[in-house]
Amino acid sequence: MAKTTYIDLPAGTEDLYFGALKSSDRFVFSRVVRKDTLLSVKRKAGISARSLLPQIAALWAVLSDEVKTSWVAAADEMDLSGWQLFVQDQTIRVLNGMPGSATPSTLHQSWVGNLKITAPADEIKIIQMHPREYWVSQKVIGKKGMFEPVLVPEDFSLPFKIGLNYKSNLTSTGAGSFAKFYALVWYRYQGLNLSHELSVPLDFSSDWKHAEATLSAIQSSVVGYDLYFHLKNLRGDLFFDNIEAVHSSQNWARDPFCKSVPLTFTRAFFQVPKNWAAVTLPDGAEYDTIYPDS
């Protein structure tokens, strides 16, 4: 097979070339592959037979206007339509053999984050780092299934708000127990490297609720910040969704809807930091993305 560094297309052949060929994995094994644009009647029938959309559409059609409005309200939290969120949620249920449909909620949608502590552990701490610049994996517009690493400059400006929706079922194992979601904000003042903790205390036992905290002023310019979940001298479960780290009129939290809490990037995306990395993770402690059927 011939290897090339670039192709100089003759004038007038661009549409033919890009209509029949496409780039495959361009980071590790760069190559050009066929683009499947024309499907045979047999292949179309096979794809239709495997699609869940007809089944899900039938379920959507019999929902009352009141329930559909609830799905629309829940979907607004993710900038989706009610139908899109229903398809996403119902697909999860069908693929996992779960009967019926979920009850839509504005406090959590489909996947949520989960911190779980069982014996012998009684502590867990995870971090999401936010320096001034970092890499993210971003979908290439117009390219199905293609992503690229993009360098993101996060220029910080106050006010700074952190928040989340959460549900907890935690039990204290001793004195000094606490559960909190917080940001450690790093700044320089008179030649010193200092930090300020902006904290959201979490109830040990609570149904789904929203909690937030805001930092309006600080002594000097901010260098960066890190987000943390920290549970200490506790056992049980914490569920969370709709993470917020808002400044400069934008939510900078990565994976705010908790679809890939423990995701690790590899190969050409090795420089992209984890959505959430373990700081303290003893035997018996774990964190993951789950689908709560409640």
C-alpha atoms as a PDB file:
ATOM      1  CA  MET A   1       0.000   0.000   0.000  1.00  0.00           C
ATOM      2  CA  ALA A   2       1.366   3.407  -0.982  1.00  0.00           C
ATOM      3  CA  LYS A   3       2.093   5.929   1.761  1.00  0.00           C
ATOM      4  CA  THR A   4       1.568   9.632   1.153  1.00  0.00           C
ATOM      5  CA  THR A   5       2.014  12.768   3.197  1.00  0.00           C
ATOM      6  CA  TYR A   6      -0.570  14.756   1.273  1.00  0.00           C
ATOM      7  CA  ILE A   7      -2.688  14.565  -1.859  1.00  0.00           C
ATOM      8  CA  ASP A   8      -2.926  17.380  -4.379  1.00  0.00           C
ATOM      9  CA  LEU A   9      -6.352  16.916  -5.958  1.00  0.00           C
ATOM     10  CA  PRO A  10      -6.841  18.025  -9.569  1.00  0.00           C
ATOM     11  CA  ALA A  11      -9.320  20.842  -9.983  1.00  0.00           C
ATOM     12  CA  GLY A  12     -12.900  19.652 -10.240  1.00  0.00           C
ATOM     13  CA  THR A  13     -12.340  16.292  -8.537  1.00  0.00           C
ATOM     14  CA  GLU A  14     -12.862  17.401  -4.927  1.00  0.00           C
ATOM     15  CA  ASP A  15     -16.541  16.416  -4.797  1.00  0.00           C
ATOM     16  CA  LEU A  16     -15.817  12.975  -6.243  1.00  0.00           C
ATOM     17  CA  TYR A  17     -12.932  12.378  -3.833  1.00  0.00           C
ATOM     18  CA  PHE A  18     -14.696  13.475  -0.651  1.00  0.00           C
ATOM     19  CA  GLY A  19     -17.911  11.777  -1.736  1.00  0.00           C
ATOM     20  CA  ALA A  20     -16.230   8.362  -1.882  1.00  0.00           C
ATOM     21  CA  LEU A  21     -13.353   8.527   0.639  1.00  0.00           C
ATOM     22  CA  LYS A  22     -12.757   9.747   4.186  1.00  0.00           C
ATOM     23  CA  SER A  23      -9.932   9.967   6.728  1.00  0.00           C
ATOM     24  CA  SER A  24      -9.778   7.216   9.334  1.00  0.00           C
ATOM     25  CA  ASP A  25      -7.697   7.269  12.577  1.00  0.00           C
ATOM     26  CA  ARG A  26      -5.372  10.141  11.747  1.00  0.00           C
ATOM     27  CA  PHE A  27      -3.353  10.097  14.964  1.00  0.00           C
ATOM     28  CA  VAL A  28      -1.959   6.581  15.326  1.00  0.00           C
ATOM     29  CA  PHE A  29      -2.490   4.870  11.932  1.00  0.00           C
ATOM     30  CA  SER A  30      -3.373   7.568   9.461  1.00  0.00           C
ATOM     31  CA  ARG A  31      -5.095   6.274   6.343  1.00  0.00           C
ATOM     32  CA  VAL A  32      -7.892   6.920   3.874  1.00  0.00           C
ATOM     33  CA  VAL A  33     -10.865   4.557   3.836  1.00  0.00           C
ATOM     34  CA  ARG A  34     -14.059   4.138   1.834  1.00  0.00           C
ATOM     35  CA  LYS A  35     -17.068   6.220   2.782  1.00  0.00           C
ATOM     36  CA  ASP A  36     -20.239   4.137   2.962  1.00  0.00           C
ATOM     37  CA  THR A  37     -22.736   6.545   1.444  1.00  0.00           C
ATOM     38  CA  LEU A  38     -24.828   4.113  -0.605  1.00  0.00           C
ATOM     39  CA  LEU A  39     -26.615   1.308   1.201  1.00  0.00           C
ATOM     40  CA  SER A  40     -28.123  -1.738  -0.453  1.00  0.00           C
ATOM     41  CA  VAL A  41     -31.786  -2.561   0.080  1.00  0.00           C
ATOM     42  CA  LYS A  42     -30.739  -5.528   2.224  1.00  0.00           C
ATOM     43  CA  ARG A  43     -28.449  -3.384   4.418  1.00  0.00           C
ATOM     44  CA  LYS A  44     -31.108  -0.689   4.824  1.00  0.00           C
ATOM     45  CA  ALA A  45     -33.584  -3.336   5.970  1.00  0.00           C
ATOM     46  CA  GLY A  46     -31.064  -4.690   8.472  1.00  0.00           C
ATOM     47  CA  ILE A  47     -30.403  -1.247   9.942  1.00  0.00           C
ATOM     48  CA  SER A  48     -34.126  -0.512  10.233  1.00  0.00           C
ATOM     49  CA  ALA A  49     -34.707  -3.836  11.947  1.00  0.00           C
ATOM     50  CA  ARG A  50     -32.056  -3.057  14.560  1.00  0.00           C
ATOM     51  CA  SER A  51     -33.230   0.502  15.220  1.00  0.00           C
ATOM     52  CA  LEU A  52     -35.034   1.184  18.477  1.00  0.00           C
ATOM     53  CA  LEU A  53     -36.662   4.379  17.169  1.00  0.00           C
ATOM     54  CA  PRO A  54     -39.951   2.799  15.983  1.00  0.00           C
ATOM     55  CA  GLN A  55     -40.428   1.143  19.390  1.00  0.00           C
ATOM     56  CA  ILE A  56     -39.514   4.333  21.266  1.00  0.00           C
ATOM     57  CA  ALA A  57     -41.686   6.495  18.986  1.00  0.00           C
ATOM     58  CA  ALA A  58     -44.677   4.291  19.808  1.00  0.00           C
ATOM     59  CA  LEU A  59     -44.070   4.828  23.533  1.00  0.00           C
ATOM     60  CA  TRP A  60     -43.709   8.599  23.055  1.00  0.00           C
ATOM     61  CA  ALA A  61     -46.938   8.771  21.048  1.00  0.00           C
ATOM     62  CA  VAL A  62     -49.092   7.462  23.915  1.00  0.00           C
ATOM     63  CA  LEU A  63     -47.661   9.824  26.554  1.00  0.00           C
ATOM     64  CA  SER A  64     -50.015  12.512  27.816  1.00  0.00           C
ATOM     65  CA  ASP A  65     -49.327  16.175  27.046  1.00  0.00           C
ATOM     66  CA  GLU A  66     -48.564  16.695  30.745  1.00  0.00           C
ATOM     67  CA  VAL A  67     -45.859  14.000  30.756  1.00  0.00           C
ATOM     68  CA  LYS A  68     -44.383  15.290  27.487  1.00  0.00           C
ATOM     69  CA  THR A  69     -44.192  18.762  29.028  1.00  0.00           C
ATOM     70  CA  SER A  70     -42.271  17.256  31.958  1.00  0.00           C
ATOM     71  CA  TRP A  71     -39.787  15.694  29.526  1.00  0.00           C
ATOM     72  CA  VAL A  72     -39.376  19.074  27.824  1.00  0.00           C
ATOM     73  CA  ALA A  73     -38.632  20.743  31.184  1.00  0.00           C
ATOM     74  CA  ALA A  74     -36.075  18.069  32.082  1.00  0.00           C
ATOM     75  CA  ALA A  75     -34.464  18.263  28.642  1.00  0.00           C
ATOM     76  CA  ASP A  76     -34.027  22.032  28.954  1.00  0.00           C
ATOM     77  CA  GLU A  77     -31.338  21.344  31.574  1.00  0.00           C
ATOM     78  CA  MET A  78     -29.263  19.645  28.846  1.00  0.00           C
ATOM     79  CA  ASP A  79     -30.233  21.929  25.931  1.00  0.00           C
ATOM     80  CA  LEU A  80     -32.131  19.055  24.313  1.00  0.00           C
ATOM     81  CA  SER A  81     -35.696  18.644  23.158  1.00  0.00           C
ATOM     82  CA  GLY A  82     -38.081  16.505  25.169  1.00  0.00           C
ATOM     83  CA  TRP A  83     -38.097  13.889  22.406  1.00  0.00           C
ATOM     84  CA  GLN A  84     -34.283  13.732  22.305  1.00  0.00           C
ATOM     85  CA  LEU A  85     -33.989  13.156  26.056  1.00  0.00           C
ATOM     86  CA  PHE A  86     -36.770  10.560  25.965  1.00  0.00           C
ATOM     87  CA  VAL A  87     -34.963   8.657  23.185  1.00  0.00           C
ATOM     88  CA  GLN A  88     -31.674   8.809  25.112  1.00  0.00           C
ATOM     89  CA  ASP A  89     -33.256   7.622  28.343  1.00  0.00           C
ATOM     90  CA  GLN A  90     -35.513   4.967  26.835  1.00  0.00           C
ATOM     91  CA  THR A  91     -32.640   3.512  24.789  1.00  0.00           C
ATOM     92  CA  ILE A  92     -30.714   2.925  28.019  1.00  0.00           C
ATOM     93  CA  ARG A  93     -33.711   1.158  29.526  1.00  0.00           C
ATOM     94  CA  VAL A  94     -34.362  -1.046  26.506  1.00  0.00           C
ATOM     95  CA  LEU A  95     -30.730  -2.089  26.112  1.00  0.00           C
ATOM     96  CA  ASN A  96     -30.569  -2.996  29.803  1.00  0.00           C
ATOM     97  CA  GLY A  97     -33.876  -4.866  29.867  1.00  0.00           C
ATOM     98  CA  MET A  98     -35.613  -2.356  32.144  1.00  0.00           C
ATOM     99  CA  PRO A  99     -39.426  -2.207  31.817  1.00  0.00           C
ATOM    100  CA  GLY A 100     -41.515   0.930  31.436  1.00  0.00           C
ATOM    101  CA  SER A 101     -40.294   4.516  31.152  1.00  0.00           C
ATOM    102  CA  ALA A 102     -38.516   6.804  33.587  1.00  0.00           C
ATOM    103  CA  THR A 103     -40.158   9.694  35.411  1.00  0.00           C
ATOM    104  CA  PRO A 104     -38.605  12.881  33.994  1.00  0.00           C
ATOM    105  CA  SER A 105     -36.883  15.191  36.489  1.00  0.00           C
ATOM    106  CA  THR A 106     -35.235  18.592  36.231  1.00  0.00           C
ATOM    107  CA  LEU A 107     -32.735  17.510  38.917  1.00  0.00           C
ATOM    108  CA  HIS A 108     -31.172  14.553  37.084  1.00  0.00           C
ATOM    109  CA  GLN A 109     -31.333  13.171  33.550  1.00  0.00           C
ATOM    110  CA  SER A 110     -30.383   9.635  32.429  1.00  0.00           C
ATOM    111  CA  TRP A 111     -26.781   9.078  33.571  1.00  0.00           C
ATOM    112  CA  VAL A 112     -25.602  10.450  36.940  1.00  0.00           C
ATOM    113  CA  GLY A 113     -22.360  10.343  38.908  1.00  0.00           C
ATOM    114  CA  ASN A 114     -22.039   8.011  41.894  1.00  0.00           C
ATOM    115  CA  LEU A 115     -19.592   7.935  44.799  1.00  0.00           C
ATOM    116  CA  LYS A 116     -19.860   4.684  46.784  1.00  0.00           C
ATOM    117  CA  ILE A 117     -18.075   3.826  50.041  1.00  0.00           C
ATOM    118  CA  THR A 118     -18.224   0.362  51.608  1.00  0.00           C
ATOM    119  CA  ALA A 119     -16.115  -1.331  54.297  1.00  0.00           C
ATOM    120  CA  PRO A 120     -13.240  -1.187  54.927  1.00  0.00           C
ATOM    121  CA  ALA A 121     -13.123   2.309  53.366  1.00  0.00           C
ATOM    122  CA  ASP A 122     -14.656   5.368  55.006  1.00  0.00           C
ATOM    123  CA  GLU A 123     -13.320   8.110  52.710  1.00  0.00           C
ATOM    124  CA  ILE A 124     -13.186   9.103  49.048  1.00  0.00           C
ATOM    125  CA  LYS A 125     -11.869  12.219  47.307  1.00  0.00           C
ATOM    126  CA  ILE A 126     -11.836  12.982  43.569  1.00  0.00           C
ATOM    127  CA  ILE A 127     -10.663  16.016  41.589  1.00  0.00           C
ATOM    128  CA  GLN A 128     -11.377  17.819  38.321  1.00  0.00           C
ATOM    129  CA  MET A 129      -8.483  20.143  37.464  1.00  0.00           C
ATOM    130  CA  HIS A 130      -8.967  23.574  35.892  1.00  0.00           C
ATOM    131  CA  PRO A 131      -5.623  25.294  35.195  1.00  0.00           C
ATOM    132  CA  ARG A 132      -5.412  28.349  32.940  1.00  0.00           C
ATOM    133  CA  GLU A 133      -4.980  26.082  29.887  1.00  0.00           C
ATOM    134  CA  TYR A 134      -5.787  22.411  29.334  1.00  0.00           C
ATOM    135  CA  TRP A 135      -6.697  19.991  26.556  1.00  0.00           C
ATOM    136  CA  VAL A 136     -10.175  18.588  25.895  1.00  0.00           C
ATOM    137  CA  SER A 137     -11.527  16.029  23.432  1.00  0.00           C
ATOM    138  CA  GLN A 138     -13.903  17.805  21.061  1.00  0.00           C
ATOM    139  CA  LYS A 139     -16.121  16.377  18.338  1.00  0.00           C
ATOM    140  CA  VAL A 140     -15.254  17.434  14.792  1.00  0.00           C
ATOM    141  CA  ILE A 141     -18.336  19.125  13.333  1.00  0.00           C
ATOM    142  CA  GLY A 142     -19.686  17.272  10.327  1.00  0.00           C
ATOM    143  CA  LYS A 143     -17.519  14.173  10.937  1.00  0.00           C
ATOM    144  CA  LYS A 144     -19.361  11.218  12.431  1.00  0.00           C
ATOM    145  CA  GLY A 145     -17.473   9.649  15.324  1.00  0.00           C
ATOM    146  CA  MET A 146     -14.413  11.886  14.866  1.00  0.00           C
ATOM    147  CA  PHE A 147     -12.847  13.784  17.761  1.00  0.00           C
ATOM    148  CA  GLU A 148      -9.769  15.971  18.088  1.00  0.00           C
ATOM    149  CA  PRO A 149      -7.735  17.362  21.005  1.00  0.00           C
ATOM    150  CA  VAL A 150      -8.319  21.093  21.482  1.00  0.00           C
ATOM    151  CA  LEU A 151      -6.383  23.419  23.792  1.00  0.00           C
ATOM    152  CA  VAL A 152      -8.805  25.416  25.973  1.00  0.00           C
ATOM    153  CA  PRO A 153      -7.741  28.698  27.625  1.00  0.00           C
ATOM    154  CA  GLU A 154      -9.941  29.217  30.698  1.00  0.00           C
ATOM    155  CA  ASP A 155      -9.679  32.916  31.516  1.00  0.00           C
ATOM    156  CA  PHE A 156     -11.102  33.346  34.993  1.00  0.00           C
ATOM    157  CA  SER A 157     -13.255  36.246  36.150  1.00  0.00           C
ATOM    158  CA  LEU A 158     -15.519  36.735  39.166  1.00  0.00           C
ATOM    159  CA  PRO A 159     -18.207  36.062  40.254  1.00  0.00           C
ATOM    160  CA  PHE A 160     -17.610  32.310  40.422  1.00  0.00           C
ATOM    161  CA  LYS A 161     -20.470  29.917  41.154  1.00  0.00           C
ATOM    162  CA  ILE A 162     -20.272  26.193  41.803  1.00  0.00           C
ATOM    163  CA  GLY A 163     -23.327  24.003  42.134  1.00  0.00           C
ATOM    164  CA  LEU A 164     -24.836  20.571  41.627  1.00  0.00           C
ATOM    165  CA  ASN A 165     -27.944  18.478  42.047  1.00  0.00           C
ATOM    166  CA  TYR A 166     -27.488  15.534  44.380  1.00  0.00           C
ATOM    167  CA  LYS A 167     -29.079  12.691  46.333  1.00  0.00           C
ATOM    168  CA  SER A 168     -27.389  11.077  49.339  1.00  0.00           C
ATOM    169  CA  ASN A 169     -27.687   8.001  51.500  1.00  0.00           C
ATOM    170  CA  LEU A 170     -24.666   8.230  53.809  1.00  0.00           C
ATOM    171  CA  THR A 171     -23.997   7.022  57.338  1.00  0.00           C
ATOM    172  CA  SER A 172     -21.360   8.433  59.692  1.00  0.00           C
ATOM    173  CA  THR A 173     -18.624   6.048  60.838  1.00  0.00           C
ATOM    174  CA  GLY A 174     -17.126   8.327  63.493  1.00  0.00           C
ATOM    175  CA  ALA A 175     -16.319  11.836  64.657  1.00  0.00           C
ATOM    176  CA  GLY A 176     -15.428  14.505  62.122  1.00  0.00           C
ATOM    177  CA  SER A 177     -17.515  13.064  59.291  1.00  0.00           C
ATOM    178  CA  PHE A 178     -18.395  15.390  56.397  1.00  0.00           C
ATOM    179  CA  ALA A 179     -19.520  15.420  52.759  1.00  0.00           C
ATOM    180  CA  LYS A 180     -18.816  18.369  50.498  1.00  0.00           C
ATOM    181  CA  PHE A 181     -18.437  19.531  46.907  1.00  0.00           C
ATOM    182  CA  TYR A 182     -15.975  22.391  46.687  1.00  0.00           C
ATOM    183  CA  ALA A 183     -13.605  24.446  44.568  1.00  0.00           C
ATOM    184  CA  LEU A 184     -10.083  25.275  45.692  1.00  0.00           C
ATOM    185  CA  VAL A 185      -9.316  28.616  44.032  1.00  0.00           C
ATOM    186  CA  TRP A 186      -5.599  29.408  43.615  1.00  0.00           C
ATOM    187  CA  TYR A 187      -4.398  33.036  43.576  1.00  0.00           C
ATOM    188  CA  ARG A 188      -1.279  35.146  44.118  1.00  0.00           C
ATOM    189  CA  TYR A 189      -1.112  37.959  46.661  1.00  0.00           C
ATOM    190  CA  GLN A 190       1.972  39.974  47.610  1.00  0.00           C
ATOM    191  CA  GLY A 191       4.311  37.303  46.280  1.00  0.00           C
ATOM    192  CA  LEU A 192       2.536  34.438  48.040  1.00  0.00           C
ATOM    193  CA  ASN A 193       0.693  31.499  46.477  1.00  0.00           C
ATOM    194  CA  LEU A 194      -2.603  31.238  48.354  1.00  0.00           C
ATOM    195  CA  SER A 195      -5.876  29.363  48.037  1.00  0.00           C
ATOM    196  CA  HIS A 196      -9.517  29.942  48.951  1.00  0.00           C
ATOM    197  CA  GLU A 197     -12.039  27.148  49.465  1.00  0.00           C
ATOM    198  CA  LEU A 198     -15.526  27.723  48.062  1.00  0.00           C
ATOM    199  CA  SER A 199     -17.559  24.914  49.595  1.00  0.00           C
ATOM    200  CA  VAL A 200     -21.012  23.370  49.185  1.00  0.00           C
ATOM    201  CA  PRO A 201     -21.811  21.173  52.252  1.00  0.00           C
ATOM    202  CA  LEU A 202     -23.829  18.061  51.375  1.00  0.00           C
ATOM    203  CA  ASP A 203     -26.482  16.478  53.572  1.00  0.00           C
ATOM    204  CA  PHE A 204     -25.830  12.887  54.655  1.00  0.00           C
ATOM    205  CA  SER A 205     -29.392  11.825  53.801  1.00  0.00           C
ATOM    206  CA  SER A 206     -31.411  13.677  51.203  1.00  0.00           C
ATOM    207  CA  ASP A 207     -33.638  13.171  48.186  1.00  0.00           C
ATOM    208  CA  TRP A 208     -32.633  14.963  44.978  1.00  0.00           C
ATOM    209  CA  LYS A 209     -31.997  18.674  45.619  1.00  0.00           C
ATOM    210  CA  HIS A 210     -29.936  21.590  44.300  1.00  0.00           C
ATOM    211  CA  ALA A 211     -27.105  23.269  46.199  1.00  0.00           C
ATOM    212  CA  GLU A 212     -24.654  26.016  45.220  1.00  0.00           C
ATOM    213  CA  ALA A 213     -22.161  28.584  46.507  1.00  0.00           C
ATOM    214  CA  THR A 214     -20.777  31.804  44.995  1.00  0.00           C
ATOM    215  CA  LEU A 215     -17.457  33.647  45.317  1.00  0.00           C
ATOM    216  CA  SER A 216     -17.864  37.346  44.549  1.00  0.00           C
ATOM    217  CA  ALA A 217     -14.465  38.830  45.498  1.00  0.00           C
ATOM    218  CA  ILE A 218     -10.887  37.773  46.172  1.00  0.00           C
ATOM    219  CA  GLN A 219      -7.725  39.673  47.113  1.00  0.00           C
ATOM    220  CA  SER A 220      -5.847  39.317  43.843  1.00  0.00           C
ATOM    221  CA  SER A 221      -5.809  37.639  40.405  1.00  0.00           C
ATOM    222  CA  VAL A 222      -6.796  33.991  40.195  1.00  0.00           C
ATOM    223  CA  VAL A 223      -4.283  31.476  38.825  1.00  0.00           C
ATOM    224  CA  GLY A 224      -6.699  28.562  38.477  1.00  0.00           C
ATOM    225  CA  TYR A 225      -8.960  26.285  40.466  1.00  0.00           C
ATOM    226  CA  ASP A 226      -9.780  22.629  41.053  1.00  0.00           C
ATOM    227  CA  LEU A 227     -13.148  21.006  41.769  1.00  0.00           C
ATOM    228  CA  TYR A 228     -13.437  18.286  44.418  1.00  0.00           C
ATOM    229  CA  PHE A 229     -15.846  15.811  45.926  1.00  0.00           C
ATOM    230  CA  HIS A 230     -14.746  14.723  49.393  1.00  0.00           C
ATOM    231  CA  LEU A 231     -16.544  12.317  51.724  1.00  0.00           C
ATOM    232  CA  LYS A 232     -14.854  11.440  55.024  1.00  0.00           C
ATOM    233  CA  ASN A 233     -15.809   9.061  57.860  1.00  0.00           C
ATOM    234  CA  LEU A 234     -18.885   8.054  55.891  1.00  0.00           C
ATOM    235  CA  ARG A 235     -20.257   4.992  54.127  1.00  0.00           C
ATOM    236  CA  GLY A 236     -23.033   4.772  51.591  1.00  0.00           C
ATOM    237  CA  ASP A 237     -23.850   6.476  48.282  1.00  0.00           C
ATOM    238  CA  LEU A 238     -23.780   9.976  46.870  1.00  0.00           C
ATOM    239  CA  PHE A 239     -25.447  10.578  43.489  1.00  0.00           C
ATOM    240  CA  PHE A 240     -24.876  13.817  41.565  1.00  0.00           C
ATOM    241  CA  ASP A 241     -25.724  15.504  38.253  1.00  0.00           C
ATOM    242  CA  ASN A 242     -25.822  18.904  36.523  1.00  0.00           C
ATOM    243  CA  ILE A 243     -22.420  20.059  37.804  1.00  0.00           C
ATOM    244  CA  GLU A 244     -21.769  23.815  37.588  1.00  0.00           C
ATOM    245  CA  ALA A 245     -18.522  25.786  37.615  1.00  0.00           C
ATOM    246  CA  VAL A 246     -19.745  29.092  36.237  1.00  0.00           C
ATOM    247  CA  HIS A 247     -17.634  32.166  35.581  1.00  0.00           C
ATOM    248  CA  SER A 248     -17.258  34.529  32.627  1.00  0.00           C
ATOM    249  CA  SER A 249     -20.921  33.740  31.779  1.00  0.00           C
ATOM    250  CA  GLN A 250     -20.096  30.103  30.986  1.00  0.00           C
ATOM    251  CA  ASN A 251     -20.248  26.720  32.696  1.00  0.00           C
ATOM    252  CA  TRP A 252     -16.693  25.331  32.584  1.00  0.00           C
ATOM    253  CA  ALA A 253     -17.393  22.004  34.320  1.00  0.00           C
ATOM    254  CA  ARG A 254     -16.286  19.100  32.145  1.00  0.00           C
ATOM    255  CA  ASP A 255     -18.906  16.392  31.663  1.00  0.00           C
ATOM    256  CA  PRO A 256     -21.544  18.422  33.561  1.00  0.00           C
ATOM    257  CA  PHE A 257     -24.226  15.783  32.892  1.00  0.00           C
ATOM    258  CA  CYS A 258     -22.044  12.964  34.276  1.00  0.00           C
ATOM    259  CA  LYS A 259     -22.088  10.706  31.216  1.00  0.00           C
ATOM    260  CA  SER A 260     -18.422   9.696  31.638  1.00  0.00           C
ATOM    261  CA  VAL A 261     -17.330  10.425  35.211  1.00  0.00           C
ATOM    262  CA  PRO A 262     -14.340   7.987  35.321  1.00  0.00           C
ATOM    263  CA  LEU A 263     -13.368   8.419  31.624  1.00  0.00           C
ATOM    264  CA  THR A 264      -9.633   8.118  30.902  1.00  0.00           C
ATOM    265  CA  PHE A 265      -8.179   9.325  27.592  1.00  0.00           C
ATOM    266  CA  THR A 266      -5.449   7.328  25.823  1.00  0.00           C
ATOM    267  CA  ARG A 267      -3.464   7.144  22.584  1.00  0.00           C
ATOM    268  CA  ALA A 268      -3.470  10.473  20.727  1.00  0.00           C
ATOM    269  CA  PHE A 269      -5.568  12.030  23.529  1.00  0.00           C
ATOM    270  CA  PHE A 270      -3.119  11.213  26.319  1.00  0.00           C
ATOM    271  CA  GLN A 271      -2.714  14.917  27.130  1.00  0.00           C
ATOM    272  CA  VAL A 272      -6.441  15.316  27.888  1.00  0.00           C
ATOM    273  CA  PRO A 273      -6.967  15.175  31.684  1.00  0.00           C
ATOM    274  CA  LYS A 274      -9.513  12.816  33.217  1.00  0.00           C
ATOM    275  CA  ASN A 275     -12.968  14.217  33.819  1.00  0.00           C
ATOM    276  CA  TRP A 276     -12.515  13.151  37.468  1.00  0.00           C
ATOM    277  CA  ALA A 277      -9.331  11.660  38.925  1.00  0.00           C
ATOM    278  CA  ALA A 278      -8.888   9.875  42.243  1.00  0.00           C
ATOM    279  CA  VAL A 279      -7.054  11.667  45.064  1.00  0.00           C
ATOM    280  CA  THR A 280      -8.092   9.290  47.861  1.00  0.00           C
ATOM    281  CA  LEU A 281      -9.509   5.942  46.742  1.00  0.00           C
ATOM    282  CA  PRO A 282      -8.928   3.117  49.272  1.00  0.00           C
ATOM    283  CA  ASP A 283     -10.259  -0.420  48.894  1.00  0.00           C
ATOM    284  CA  GLY A 284     -14.035  -0.266  49.219  1.00  0.00           C
ATOM    285  CA  ALA A 285     -14.370   3.198  47.633  1.00  0.00           C
ATOM    286  CA  GLU A 286     -15.326   3.740  43.999  1.00  0.00           C
ATOM    287  CA  TYR A 287     -16.747   6.337  41.645  1.00  0.00           C
ATOM    288  CA  ASP A 288     -18.602   5.805  38.374  1.00  0.00           C
ATOM    289  CA  THR A 289     -21.403   6.823  36.039  1.00  0.00           C
ATOM    290  CA  ILE A 290     -24.661   4.931  36.617  1.00  0.00           C
ATOM    291  CA  TYR A 291     -28.294   4.975  35.511  1.00  0.00           C
ATOM    292  CA  PRO A 292     -30.591   5.421  38.536  1.00  0.00           C
ATOM    293  CA  ASP A 293     -34.005   3.873  38.100  1.00  0.00           C
ATOM    294  CA  SER A 294     -35.615   6.379  40.464  1.00  0.00           C
END
